[in-house]
């Protein structure tokens, strides 16, 4: 009978970023068991988790409610893939509701007056109807923000490998605790997070073209290897049958510009790699906001043609420092010389 047991309804809430008077909360309504990632998993457990990560059954058009710590409530509706978004300007000072690290706790739930909810409860597919999450509202102490790519910038991924076969192998067959961060990356990011005073709590934003299915995996990787806590911004992976409206801009550019829009008084350091399109995205954003991009750090990759192209761009770029770095310590030296870290 266990083979035919229906999965419970759950709401996955992704750690996102919001403003003083603006909520920006993402999540997904699913028929699924919450994933359990452990250190030192067996190969079988890793394969099972990978299968379950990508085998998702969305709850289409689910009605979702959000509650803030002060009891204020909002409602929205998930799309046909189960994704929901609260993108709301509010007349509440959200900073006052946040903790000392700048995180606002919140809870989401299914609309209990909805007929679909009543049916799911009758089928015993709801063991609970309160799911906790959080969103970042940078504290007053923040001096600047850091926006970083993940793949081959802080995690060895292999995006330049032939047909990206190494990417597939690392994603499907390696547990998060067996994935390697780039040498010194966590230390660099902790220094940037602490800033020039050592206690600035500068916000960290992590970008990747990976699908939202990998959110928990990447969250575990960052925590396990000691990276500062921050929003992890992934994307809805398109399929040939996907009816979701396509973004007018690439995912990373969309998030970059959205972050800058959320925090108009904050300057940023951008970190990426030389393997794909980071140099183009970051260059374009710096040209649009020349007074707000402090520096661009690009990790070198083992690909002569791509490195030659990126180096030619960096050599002629004058809006802000654009550095190609082999190791994290080169970025540490530069940031310390500029007075951005201690």
C-alpha atoms as a PDB file:
ATOM      1  CA  UNK A   1       0.000   0.000   0.000  1.00  0.00           C
ATOM      2  CA  UNK A   2       2.957   2.330   0.576  1.00  0.00           C
ATOM      3  CA  UNK A   3       3.555   2.357  -3.174  1.00  0.00           C
ATOM      4  CA  UNK A   4       0.234   4.133  -3.670  1.00  0.00           C
ATOM      5  CA  UNK A   5       0.491   6.483  -0.719  1.00  0.00           C
ATOM      6  CA  UNK A   6      -0.122  10.050  -1.797  1.00  0.00           C
ATOM      7  CA  UNK A   7       2.586  12.618  -1.071  1.00  0.00           C
ATOM      8  CA  UNK A   8       1.657  15.381   1.358  1.00  0.00           C
ATOM      9  CA  UNK A   9       1.181  18.993   0.343  1.00  0.00           C
ATOM     10  CA  UNK A  10       4.074  21.267   1.253  1.00  0.00           C
ATOM     11  CA  UNK A  11       5.150  24.860   0.605  1.00  0.00           C
ATOM     12  CA  UNK A  12       8.835  25.415  -0.155  1.00  0.00           C
ATOM     13  CA  UNK A  13       9.923  28.958   0.709  1.00  0.00           C
ATOM     14  CA  UNK A  14      13.144  30.242  -0.866  1.00  0.00           C
ATOM     15  CA  UNK A  15      15.326  32.690   1.048  1.00  0.00           C
ATOM     16  CA  UNK A  16      14.924  35.910  -0.920  1.00  0.00           C
ATOM     17  CA  UNK A  17      15.554  39.626  -0.466  1.00  0.00           C
ATOM     18  CA  UNK A  18      13.154  42.421   0.400  1.00  0.00           C
ATOM     19  CA  UNK A  19      13.334  46.156   1.080  1.00  0.00           C
ATOM     20  CA  UNK A  20      12.340  48.384   3.958  1.00  0.00           C
ATOM     21  CA  UNK A  21       8.825  48.740   2.540  1.00  0.00           C
ATOM     22  CA  UNK A  22       8.805  46.005  -0.094  1.00  0.00           C
ATOM     23  CA  UNK A  23       8.203  42.260   0.212  1.00  0.00           C
ATOM     24  CA  UNK A  24       9.696  39.979  -2.427  1.00  0.00           C
ATOM     25  CA  UNK A  25       9.003  36.365  -1.396  1.00  0.00           C
ATOM     26  CA  UNK A  26       9.311  33.340  -3.672  1.00  0.00           C
ATOM     27  CA  UNK A  27       8.286  29.742  -3.114  1.00  0.00           C
ATOM     28  CA  UNK A  28       6.590  26.709  -4.609  1.00  0.00           C
ATOM     29  CA  UNK A  29       3.557  24.576  -3.768  1.00  0.00           C
ATOM     30  CA  UNK A  30       4.342  20.875  -4.169  1.00  0.00           C
ATOM     31  CA  UNK A  31       2.990  17.395  -3.576  1.00  0.00           C
ATOM     32  CA  UNK A  32       6.159  16.036  -2.083  1.00  0.00           C
ATOM     33  CA  UNK A  33       8.070  14.837   0.961  1.00  0.00           C
ATOM     34  CA  UNK A  34      10.533  17.410   2.340  1.00  0.00           C
ATOM     35  CA  UNK A  35      14.043  16.493   1.157  1.00  0.00           C
ATOM     36  CA  UNK A  36      16.494  15.240   3.777  1.00  0.00           C
ATOM     37  CA  UNK A  37      20.137  15.968   2.992  1.00  0.00           C
ATOM     38  CA  UNK A  38      22.745  14.401   5.257  1.00  0.00           C
ATOM     39  CA  UNK A  39      26.499  14.520   5.446  1.00  0.00           C
ATOM     40  CA  UNK A  40      28.350  11.363   4.381  1.00  0.00           C
ATOM     41  CA  UNK A  41      25.399   9.919   2.508  1.00  0.00           C
ATOM     42  CA  UNK A  42      25.809   6.639   0.702  1.00  0.00           C
ATOM     43  CA  UNK A  43      25.872   6.643  -3.093  1.00  0.00           C
ATOM     44  CA  UNK A  44      22.363   5.147  -3.090  1.00  0.00           C
ATOM     45  CA  UNK A  45      21.049   7.891  -0.785  1.00  0.00           C
ATOM     46  CA  UNK A  46      22.579  10.546  -3.025  1.00  0.00           C
ATOM     47  CA  UNK A  47      20.935   9.046  -6.127  1.00  0.00           C
ATOM     48  CA  UNK A  48      17.606   8.797  -4.322  1.00  0.00           C
ATOM     49  CA  UNK A  49      17.785  12.445  -3.269  1.00  0.00           C
ATOM     50  CA  UNK A  50      18.752  13.493  -6.801  1.00  0.00           C
ATOM     51  CA  UNK A  51      15.768  11.609  -8.206  1.00  0.00           C
ATOM     52  CA  UNK A  52      13.399  13.184  -5.719  1.00  0.00           C
ATOM     53  CA  UNK A  53      14.925  16.624  -6.287  1.00  0.00           C
ATOM     54  CA  UNK A  54      13.861  16.617  -9.923  1.00  0.00           C
ATOM     55  CA  UNK A  55      10.739  14.481  -9.600  1.00  0.00           C
ATOM     56  CA  UNK A  56       8.386  17.208  -8.376  1.00  0.00           C
ATOM     57  CA  UNK A  57       4.608  17.318  -8.596  1.00  0.00           C
ATOM     58  CA  UNK A  58       3.499  20.908  -8.490  1.00  0.00           C
ATOM     59  CA  UNK A  59       0.180  22.091  -7.073  1.00  0.00           C
ATOM     60  CA  UNK A  60      -1.244  24.284  -9.782  1.00  0.00           C
ATOM     61  CA  UNK A  61      -2.939  27.585  -8.984  1.00  0.00           C
ATOM     62  CA  UNK A  62      -2.773  27.004  -5.221  1.00  0.00           C
ATOM     63  CA  UNK A  63      -4.042  29.844  -3.041  1.00  0.00           C
ATOM     64  CA  UNK A  64      -1.289  30.838  -0.609  1.00  0.00           C
ATOM     65  CA  UNK A  65      -1.350  33.178   2.376  1.00  0.00           C
ATOM     66  CA  UNK A  66       1.629  34.907   4.018  1.00  0.00           C
ATOM     67  CA  UNK A  67       1.799  36.137   7.623  1.00  0.00           C
ATOM     68  CA  UNK A  68       4.391  38.549   9.075  1.00  0.00           C
ATOM     69  CA  UNK A  69       5.539  38.541  12.726  1.00  0.00           C
ATOM     70  CA  UNK A  70       3.160  41.426  13.529  1.00  0.00           C
ATOM     71  CA  UNK A  71       0.183  39.446  12.201  1.00  0.00           C
ATOM     72  CA  UNK A  72      -0.166  41.297   8.879  1.00  0.00           C
ATOM     73  CA  UNK A  73      -1.389  38.951   6.150  1.00  0.00           C
ATOM     74  CA  UNK A  74      -1.231  38.864   2.357  1.00  0.00           C
ATOM     75  CA  UNK A  75      -2.524  36.456  -0.279  1.00  0.00           C
ATOM     76  CA  UNK A  76      -1.410  35.344  -3.715  1.00  0.00           C
ATOM     77  CA  UNK A  77      -1.939  32.505  -6.183  1.00  0.00           C
ATOM     78  CA  UNK A  78       0.613  30.031  -7.499  1.00  0.00           C
ATOM     79  CA  UNK A  79       1.035  29.638 -11.242  1.00  0.00           C
ATOM     80  CA  UNK A  80       0.515  26.434 -13.250  1.00  0.00           C
ATOM     81  CA  UNK A  81       3.935  25.120 -12.092  1.00  0.00           C
ATOM     82  CA  UNK A  82       3.244  25.796  -8.435  1.00  0.00           C
ATOM     83  CA  UNK A  83       5.532  28.836  -8.153  1.00  0.00           C
ATOM     84  CA  UNK A  84       4.232  31.754  -6.131  1.00  0.00           C
ATOM     85  CA  UNK A  85       5.566  35.281  -5.656  1.00  0.00           C
ATOM     86  CA  UNK A  86       4.685  38.009  -3.198  1.00  0.00           C
ATOM     87  CA  UNK A  87       5.941  41.235  -4.807  1.00  0.00           C
ATOM     88  CA  UNK A  88       4.237  43.868  -2.661  1.00  0.00           C
ATOM     89  CA  UNK A  89       4.885  47.445  -1.517  1.00  0.00           C
ATOM     90  CA  UNK A  90       3.771  47.754   2.102  1.00  0.00           C
ATOM     91  CA  UNK A  91       3.249  50.637   4.533  1.00  0.00           C
ATOM     92  CA  UNK A  92       5.095  48.766   7.304  1.00  0.00           C
ATOM     93  CA  UNK A  93       8.724  49.346   8.280  1.00  0.00           C
ATOM     94  CA  UNK A  94       9.964  45.799   7.687  1.00  0.00           C
ATOM     95  CA  UNK A  95      13.377  46.604   9.164  1.00  0.00           C
ATOM     96  CA  UNK A  96      11.721  46.954  12.579  1.00  0.00           C
ATOM     97  CA  UNK A  97      10.414  43.381  12.270  1.00  0.00           C
ATOM     98  CA  UNK A  98      13.800  41.919  11.277  1.00  0.00           C
ATOM     99  CA  UNK A  99      16.413  40.319  13.523  1.00  0.00           C
ATOM    100  CA  UNK A 100      19.888  41.745  14.134  1.00  0.00           C
ATOM    101  CA  UNK A 101      21.238  39.994  11.020  1.00  0.00           C
ATOM    102  CA  UNK A 102      18.562  41.591   8.847  1.00  0.00           C
ATOM    103  CA  UNK A 103      16.315  38.553   8.383  1.00  0.00           C
ATOM    104  CA  UNK A 104      12.549  38.852   8.541  1.00  0.00           C
ATOM    105  CA  UNK A 105      10.825  35.640   9.648  1.00  0.00           C
ATOM    106  CA  UNK A 106       7.516  34.769   8.010  1.00  0.00           C
ATOM    107  CA  UNK A 107       5.118  31.898   7.560  1.00  0.00           C
ATOM    108  CA  UNK A 108       3.041  30.794   4.596  1.00  0.00           C
ATOM    109  CA  UNK A 109       0.068  28.461   4.411  1.00  0.00           C
ATOM    110  CA  UNK A 110      -2.541  27.126   2.017  1.00  0.00           C
ATOM    111  CA  UNK A 111      -5.882  28.928   1.948  1.00  0.00           C
ATOM    112  CA  UNK A 112      -8.087  26.782   4.169  1.00  0.00           C
ATOM    113  CA  UNK A 113     -11.284  28.114   2.573  1.00  0.00           C
ATOM    114  CA  UNK A 114     -10.222  26.749  -0.801  1.00  0.00           C
ATOM    115  CA  UNK A 115     -12.067  23.673  -2.094  1.00  0.00           C
ATOM    116  CA  UNK A 116      -8.786  22.008  -3.161  1.00  0.00           C
ATOM    117  CA  UNK A 117      -7.456  22.400   0.383  1.00  0.00           C
ATOM    118  CA  UNK A 118     -10.552  20.763   1.836  1.00  0.00           C
ATOM    119  CA  UNK A 119     -10.117  17.808  -0.535  1.00  0.00           C
ATOM    120  CA  UNK A 120      -6.425  17.431   0.359  1.00  0.00           C
ATOM    121  CA  UNK A 121      -7.208  17.511   4.065  1.00  0.00           C
ATOM    122  CA  UNK A 122      -9.863  14.847   3.586  1.00  0.00           C
ATOM    123  CA  UNK A 123      -7.267  12.691   1.842  1.00  0.00           C
ATOM    124  CA  UNK A 124      -4.911  13.257   4.816  1.00  0.00           C
ATOM    125  CA  UNK A 125      -2.339  14.945   2.628  1.00  0.00           C
ATOM    126  CA  UNK A 126      -1.810  17.860   5.014  1.00  0.00           C
ATOM    127  CA  UNK A 127       0.116  16.996   8.148  1.00  0.00           C
ATOM    128  CA  UNK A 128       0.504  20.714   8.848  1.00  0.00           C
ATOM    129  CA  UNK A 129      -0.443  24.028   7.288  1.00  0.00           C
ATOM    130  CA  UNK A 130       2.251  26.419   8.430  1.00  0.00           C
ATOM    131  CA  UNK A 131       5.619  26.618   6.679  1.00  0.00           C
ATOM    132  CA  UNK A 132       8.351  28.949   7.909  1.00  0.00           C
ATOM    133  CA  UNK A 133      10.745  31.033   5.841  1.00  0.00           C
ATOM    134  CA  UNK A 134      12.723  34.243   5.867  1.00  0.00           C
ATOM    135  CA  UNK A 135      13.721  37.143   3.660  1.00  0.00           C
ATOM    136  CA  UNK A 136      16.733  39.432   3.875  1.00  0.00           C
ATOM    137  CA  UNK A 137      16.384  43.127   4.675  1.00  0.00           C
ATOM    138  CA  UNK A 138      19.958  44.461   4.945  1.00  0.00           C
ATOM    139  CA  UNK A 139      20.605  46.024   8.376  1.00  0.00           C
ATOM    140  CA  UNK A 140      21.591  49.656   8.876  1.00  0.00           C
ATOM    141  CA  UNK A 141      25.201  48.603   9.484  1.00  0.00           C
ATOM    142  CA  UNK A 142      25.665  47.420   5.879  1.00  0.00           C
ATOM    143  CA  UNK A 143      28.336  49.350   3.965  1.00  0.00           C
ATOM    144  CA  UNK A 144      27.974  47.600   0.589  1.00  0.00           C
ATOM    145  CA  UNK A 145      26.506  44.459  -0.950  1.00  0.00           C
ATOM    146  CA  UNK A 146      28.132  41.494  -2.699  1.00  0.00           C
ATOM    147  CA  UNK A 147      26.533  39.707  -5.654  1.00  0.00           C
ATOM    148  CA  UNK A 148      28.248  36.469  -6.612  1.00  0.00           C
ATOM    149  CA  UNK A 149      27.856  33.723  -9.153  1.00  0.00           C
ATOM    150  CA  UNK A 150      28.021  30.167  -7.771  1.00  0.00           C
ATOM    151  CA  UNK A 151      29.191  27.844 -10.569  1.00  0.00           C
ATOM    152  CA  UNK A 152      32.996  27.853 -10.890  1.00  0.00           C
ATOM    153  CA  UNK A 153      33.080  31.016  -8.800  1.00  0.00           C
ATOM    154  CA  UNK A 154      32.672  29.493  -5.353  1.00  0.00           C
ATOM    155  CA  UNK A 155      31.970  25.852  -6.273  1.00  0.00           C
ATOM    156  CA  UNK A 156      33.973  23.648  -8.638  1.00  0.00           C
ATOM    157  CA  UNK A 157      31.345  22.843 -11.265  1.00  0.00           C
ATOM    158  CA  UNK A 158      32.951  22.370 -14.670  1.00  0.00           C
ATOM    159  CA  UNK A 159      30.804  24.681 -16.798  1.00  0.00           C
ATOM    160  CA  UNK A 160      33.588  24.833 -19.398  1.00  0.00           C
ATOM    161  CA  UNK A 161      33.899  21.034 -19.693  1.00  0.00           C
ATOM    162  CA  UNK A 162      32.969  19.229 -22.911  1.00  0.00           C
ATOM    163  CA  UNK A 163      29.170  19.240 -23.279  1.00  0.00           C
ATOM    164  CA  UNK A 164      29.166  20.224 -19.602  1.00  0.00           C
ATOM    165  CA  UNK A 165      29.457  16.548 -18.709  1.00  0.00           C
ATOM    166  CA  UNK A 166      31.314  17.385 -15.506  1.00  0.00           C
ATOM    167  CA  UNK A 167      28.420  19.626 -14.446  1.00  0.00           C
ATOM    168  CA  UNK A 168      25.987  16.742 -14.843  1.00  0.00           C
ATOM    169  CA  UNK A 169      28.223  14.288 -12.986  1.00  0.00           C
ATOM    170  CA  UNK A 170      28.815  16.653 -10.053  1.00  0.00           C
ATOM    171  CA  UNK A 171      25.122  17.536  -9.797  1.00  0.00           C
ATOM    172  CA  UNK A 172      23.668  14.043  -9.986  1.00  0.00           C
ATOM    173  CA  UNK A 173      26.300  11.857  -8.322  1.00  0.00           C
ATOM    174  CA  UNK A 174      27.980  13.981  -5.635  1.00  0.00           C
ATOM    175  CA  UNK A 175      26.476  14.930  -2.283  1.00  0.00           C
ATOM    176  CA  UNK A 176      26.888  18.550  -1.172  1.00  0.00           C
ATOM    177  CA  UNK A 177      29.578  17.666   1.416  1.00  0.00           C
ATOM    178  CA  UNK A 178      31.727  16.100  -1.329  1.00  0.00           C
ATOM    179  CA  UNK A 179      31.590  19.112  -3.614  1.00  0.00           C
ATOM    180  CA  UNK A 180      34.676  21.324  -3.419  1.00  0.00           C
ATOM    181  CA  UNK A 181      34.610  25.076  -2.938  1.00  0.00           C
ATOM    182  CA  UNK A 182      37.292  27.098  -4.689  1.00  0.00           C
ATOM    183  CA  UNK A 183      40.320  27.594  -2.451  1.00  0.00           C
ATOM    184  CA  UNK A 184      39.902  30.494  -0.039  1.00  0.00           C
ATOM    185  CA  UNK A 185      36.461  31.456  -1.322  1.00  0.00           C
ATOM    186  CA  UNK A 186      34.614  31.100   1.990  1.00  0.00           C
ATOM    187  CA  UNK A 187      37.238  33.178   3.803  1.00  0.00           C
ATOM    188  CA  UNK A 188      37.042  35.942   1.166  1.00  0.00           C
ATOM    189  CA  UNK A 189      33.263  36.058   1.386  1.00  0.00           C
ATOM    190  CA  UNK A 190      33.325  36.165   5.191  1.00  0.00           C
ATOM    191  CA  UNK A 191      35.714  39.122   5.046  1.00  0.00           C
ATOM    192  CA  UNK A 192      33.461  40.942   2.583  1.00  0.00           C
ATOM    193  CA  UNK A 193      30.416  40.128   4.699  1.00  0.00           C
ATOM    194  CA  UNK A 194      32.070  41.612   7.799  1.00  0.00           C
ATOM    195  CA  UNK A 195      33.333  44.663   5.880  1.00  0.00           C
ATOM    196  CA  UNK A 196      35.800  47.365   6.981  1.00  0.00           C
ATOM    197  CA  UNK A 197      34.609  47.452  10.585  1.00  0.00           C
ATOM    198  CA  UNK A 198      34.581  43.665  11.009  1.00  0.00           C
ATOM    199  CA  UNK A 199      30.891  43.729  11.943  1.00  0.00           C
ATOM    200  CA  UNK A 200      29.073  45.395   9.037  1.00  0.00           C
ATOM    201  CA  UNK A 201      26.932  42.405   8.035  1.00  0.00           C
ATOM    202  CA  UNK A 202      27.061  43.319   4.358  1.00  0.00           C
ATOM    203  CA  UNK A 203      24.385  41.428   2.400  1.00  0.00           C
ATOM    204  CA  UNK A 204      25.470  38.517   0.202  1.00  0.00           C
ATOM    205  CA  UNK A 205      23.489  37.437  -2.871  1.00  0.00           C
ATOM    206  CA  UNK A 206      24.209  34.159  -4.688  1.00  0.00           C
ATOM    207  CA  UNK A 207      23.228  33.739  -8.366  1.00  0.00           C
ATOM    208  CA  UNK A 208      23.095  30.609 -10.487  1.00  0.00           C
ATOM    209  CA  UNK A 209      21.434  29.396 -13.666  1.00  0.00           C
ATOM    210  CA  UNK A 210      20.609  26.155 -11.831  1.00  0.00           C
ATOM    211  CA  UNK A 211      16.904  25.271 -11.462  1.00  0.00           C
ATOM    212  CA  UNK A 212      15.009  25.944  -8.229  1.00  0.00           C
ATOM    213  CA  UNK A 213      15.004  22.170  -7.675  1.00  0.00           C
ATOM    214  CA  UNK A 214      18.616  22.494  -6.481  1.00  0.00           C
ATOM    215  CA  UNK A 215      17.894  25.198  -3.903  1.00  0.00           C
ATOM    216  CA  UNK A 216      18.188  22.949  -0.810  1.00  0.00           C
ATOM    217  CA  UNK A 217      21.309  21.298  -2.199  1.00  0.00           C
ATOM    218  CA  UNK A 218      23.077  24.621  -2.764  1.00  0.00           C
ATOM    219  CA  UNK A 219      21.911  25.979   0.589  1.00  0.00           C
ATOM    220  CA  UNK A 220      23.462  22.948   2.297  1.00  0.00           C
ATOM    221  CA  UNK A 221      26.699  23.394   0.331  1.00  0.00           C
ATOM    222  CA  UNK A 222      27.066  27.050   1.352  1.00  0.00           C
ATOM    223  CA  UNK A 223      26.336  26.315   5.013  1.00  0.00           C
ATOM    224  CA  UNK A 224      28.609  23.246   5.149  1.00  0.00           C
ATOM    225  CA  UNK A 225      31.610  25.120   3.727  1.00  0.00           C
ATOM    226  CA  UNK A 226      31.192  28.248   5.872  1.00  0.00           C
ATOM    227  CA  UNK A 227      29.942  30.813   3.375  1.00  0.00           C
ATOM    228  CA  UNK A 228      27.945  33.752   4.763  1.00  0.00           C
ATOM    229  CA  UNK A 229      24.187  33.313   4.756  1.00  0.00           C
ATOM    230  CA  UNK A 230      22.362  35.009   1.894  1.00  0.00           C
ATOM    231  CA  UNK A 231      19.573  34.719  -0.684  1.00  0.00           C
ATOM    232  CA  UNK A 232      20.122  32.000  -3.303  1.00  0.00           C
ATOM    233  CA  UNK A 233      18.594  33.080  -6.604  1.00  0.00           C
ATOM    234  CA  UNK A 234      17.940  30.321  -9.116  1.00  0.00           C
ATOM    235  CA  UNK A 235      15.537  30.015 -12.049  1.00  0.00           C
ATOM    236  CA  UNK A 236      12.582  28.075 -13.379  1.00  0.00           C
ATOM    237  CA  UNK A 237      14.172  25.536 -15.713  1.00  0.00           C
ATOM    238  CA  UNK A 238      12.391  25.757 -19.090  1.00  0.00           C
ATOM    239  CA  UNK A 239      11.012  22.705 -20.889  1.00  0.00           C
ATOM    240  CA  UNK A 240       9.629  22.377 -24.439  1.00  0.00           C
ATOM    241  CA  UNK A 241       6.118  22.400 -22.933  1.00  0.00           C
ATOM    242  CA  UNK A 242       6.720  25.327 -20.566  1.00  0.00           C
ATOM    243  CA  UNK A 243       4.011  27.982 -20.803  1.00  0.00           C
ATOM    244  CA  UNK A 244       5.661  30.355 -18.302  1.00  0.00           C
ATOM    245  CA  UNK A 245       6.268  33.793 -19.859  1.00  0.00           C
ATOM    246  CA  UNK A 246       9.942  34.129 -20.726  1.00  0.00           C
ATOM    247  CA  UNK A 247      12.008  36.863 -19.074  1.00  0.00           C
ATOM    248  CA  UNK A 248      12.919  39.763 -21.341  1.00  0.00           C
ATOM    249  CA  UNK A 249      16.487  39.550 -20.008  1.00  0.00           C
ATOM    250  CA  UNK A 250      18.695  36.609 -19.004  1.00  0.00           C
ATOM    251  CA  UNK A 251      17.984  35.339 -15.487  1.00  0.00           C
ATOM    252  CA  UNK A 252      21.200  36.678 -13.944  1.00  0.00           C
ATOM    253  CA  UNK A 253      20.748  40.130 -15.478  1.00  0.00           C
ATOM    254  CA  UNK A 254      17.136  40.221 -14.278  1.00  0.00           C
ATOM    255  CA  UNK A 255      18.204  39.460 -10.699  1.00  0.00           C
ATOM    256  CA  UNK A 256      21.173  41.850 -10.808  1.00  0.00           C
ATOM    257  CA  UNK A 257      18.981  44.758 -11.859  1.00  0.00           C
ATOM    258  CA  UNK A 258      16.228  43.783  -9.431  1.00  0.00           C
ATOM    259  CA  UNK A 259      18.685  43.798  -6.514  1.00  0.00           C
ATOM    260  CA  UNK A 260      20.009  47.217  -7.485  1.00  0.00           C
ATOM    261  CA  UNK A 261      16.425  48.473  -7.755  1.00  0.00           C
ATOM    262  CA  UNK A 262      15.580  47.152  -4.287  1.00  0.00           C
ATOM    263  CA  UNK A 263      18.539  48.949  -2.694  1.00  0.00           C
ATOM    264  CA  UNK A 264      19.024  52.237  -4.567  1.00  0.00           C
ATOM    265  CA  UNK A 265      21.404  53.673  -1.942  1.00  0.00           C
ATOM    266  CA  UNK A 266      23.727  50.659  -1.808  1.00  0.00           C
ATOM    267  CA  UNK A 267      26.900  50.027  -3.804  1.00  0.00           C
ATOM    268  CA  UNK A 268      28.010  46.536  -4.834  1.00  0.00           C
ATOM    269  CA  UNK A 269      30.965  44.282  -5.522  1.00  0.00           C
ATOM    270  CA  UNK A 270      30.299  41.715  -8.276  1.00  0.00           C
ATOM    271  CA  UNK A 271      32.064  38.335  -8.336  1.00  0.00           C
ATOM    272  CA  UNK A 272      31.910  35.815 -11.167  1.00  0.00           C
ATOM    273  CA  UNK A 273      34.066  33.636 -13.387  1.00  0.00           C
ATOM    274  CA  UNK A 274      35.546  33.907 -16.844  1.00  0.00           C
ATOM    275  CA  UNK A 275      33.893  30.783 -18.201  1.00  0.00           C
ATOM    276  CA  UNK A 276      30.486  31.933 -19.422  1.00  0.00           C
ATOM    277  CA  UNK A 277      28.686  35.276 -19.602  1.00  0.00           C
ATOM    278  CA  UNK A 278      29.462  36.898 -16.246  1.00  0.00           C
ATOM    279  CA  UNK A 279      31.854  39.409 -17.751  1.00  0.00           C
ATOM    280  CA  UNK A 280      29.197  40.621 -20.212  1.00  0.00           C
ATOM    281  CA  UNK A 281      26.431  40.799 -17.605  1.00  0.00           C
ATOM    282  CA  UNK A 282      28.585  42.608 -15.065  1.00  0.00           C
ATOM    283  CA  UNK A 283      30.052  44.988 -17.631  1.00  0.00           C
ATOM    284  CA  UNK A 284      26.578  46.002 -18.839  1.00  0.00           C
ATOM    285  CA  UNK A 285      25.296  46.546 -15.291  1.00  0.00           C
ATOM    286  CA  UNK A 286      28.356  48.656 -14.426  1.00  0.00           C
ATOM    287  CA  UNK A 287      27.742  50.768 -17.517  1.00  0.00           C
ATOM    288  CA  UNK A 288      24.136  51.345 -16.432  1.00  0.00           C
ATOM    289  CA  UNK A 289      25.125  52.104 -12.820  1.00  0.00           C
ATOM    290  CA  UNK A 290      28.694  53.462 -13.045  1.00  0.00           C
ATOM    291  CA  UNK A 291      28.605  55.045  -9.584  1.00  0.00           C
ATOM    292  CA  UNK A 292      27.313  51.950  -7.788  1.00  0.00           C
ATOM    293  CA  UNK A 293      29.622  49.114  -8.848  1.00  0.00           C
ATOM    294  CA  UNK A 294      32.771  49.203  -6.722  1.00  0.00           C
ATOM    295  CA  UNK A 295      34.664  46.353  -8.383  1.00  0.00           C
ATOM    296  CA  UNK A 296      34.274  43.231 -10.506  1.00  0.00           C
ATOM    297  CA  UNK A 297      36.280  40.125  -9.588  1.00  0.00           C
ATOM    298  CA  UNK A 298      36.412  37.358 -12.199  1.00  0.00           C
ATOM    299  CA  UNK A 299      37.930  33.966 -11.446  1.00  0.00           C
ATOM    300  CA  UNK A 300      40.179  32.577 -14.158  1.00  0.00           C
ATOM    301  CA  UNK A 301      39.128  29.306 -15.779  1.00  0.00           C
ATOM    302  CA  UNK A 302      41.124  26.705 -17.660  1.00  0.00           C
ATOM    303  CA  UNK A 303      40.056  27.740 -21.145  1.00  0.00           C
ATOM    304  CA  UNK A 304      42.536  29.740 -23.232  1.00  0.00           C
ATOM    305  CA  UNK A 305      40.078  31.200 -25.746  1.00  0.00           C
ATOM    306  CA  UNK A 306      37.612  32.414 -23.138  1.00  0.00           C
ATOM    307  CA  UNK A 307      40.362  33.781 -20.936  1.00  0.00           C
ATOM    308  CA  UNK A 308      41.854  35.771 -23.827  1.00  0.00           C
ATOM    309  CA  UNK A 309      38.458  37.356 -24.543  1.00  0.00           C
ATOM    310  CA  UNK A 310      37.808  38.241 -20.900  1.00  0.00           C
ATOM    311  CA  UNK A 311      41.305  39.653 -20.459  1.00  0.00           C
ATOM    312  CA  UNK A 312      40.859  41.955 -23.461  1.00  0.00           C
ATOM    313  CA  UNK A 313      37.635  43.309 -21.916  1.00  0.00           C
ATOM    314  CA  UNK A 314      39.206  43.735 -18.463  1.00  0.00           C
ATOM    315  CA  UNK A 315      42.262  45.541 -19.861  1.00  0.00           C
ATOM    316  CA  UNK A 316      40.119  48.242 -21.473  1.00  0.00           C
ATOM    317  CA  UNK A 317      37.401  48.557 -18.806  1.00  0.00           C
ATOM    318  CA  UNK A 318      37.624  51.871 -16.932  1.00  0.00           C
ATOM    319  CA  UNK A 319      34.338  52.288 -15.030  1.00  0.00           C
ATOM    320  CA  UNK A 320      35.556  50.301 -12.008  1.00  0.00           C
ATOM    321  CA  UNK A 321      38.359  47.859 -11.222  1.00  0.00           C
ATOM    322  CA  UNK A 322      37.854  44.587 -13.130  1.00  0.00           C
ATOM    323  CA  UNK A 323      40.302  41.989 -11.880  1.00  0.00           C
ATOM    324  CA  UNK A 324      41.043  38.503 -13.184  1.00  0.00           C
ATOM    325  CA  UNK A 325      42.082  36.413 -10.189  1.00  0.00           C
ATOM    326  CA  UNK A 326      43.583  32.935 -10.033  1.00  0.00           C
ATOM    327  CA  UNK A 327      43.046  32.614  -6.281  1.00  0.00           C
ATOM    328  CA  UNK A 328      40.880  34.279  -3.652  1.00  0.00           C
ATOM    329  CA  UNK A 329      43.893  35.834  -1.940  1.00  0.00           C
ATOM    330  CA  UNK A 330      44.355  38.180  -4.925  1.00  0.00           C
ATOM    331  CA  UNK A 331      40.868  39.591  -4.368  1.00  0.00           C
ATOM    332  CA  UNK A 332      41.580  39.796  -0.617  1.00  0.00           C
ATOM    333  CA  UNK A 333      44.715  41.874  -1.251  1.00  0.00           C
ATOM    334  CA  UNK A 334      42.867  44.250  -3.583  1.00  0.00           C
ATOM    335  CA  UNK A 335      39.821  44.656  -1.303  1.00  0.00           C
ATOM    336  CA  UNK A 336      42.098  45.324   1.694  1.00  0.00           C
ATOM    337  CA  UNK A 337      44.065  47.944  -0.268  1.00  0.00           C
ATOM    338  CA  UNK A 338      40.771  49.654  -1.115  1.00  0.00           C
ATOM    339  CA  UNK A 339      39.723  49.667   2.561  1.00  0.00           C
ATOM    340  CA  UNK A 340      36.690  47.387   2.017  1.00  0.00           C
ATOM    341  CA  UNK A 341      37.807  44.682   4.445  1.00  0.00           C
ATOM    342  CA  UNK A 342      40.040  44.497   7.511  1.00  0.00           C
END
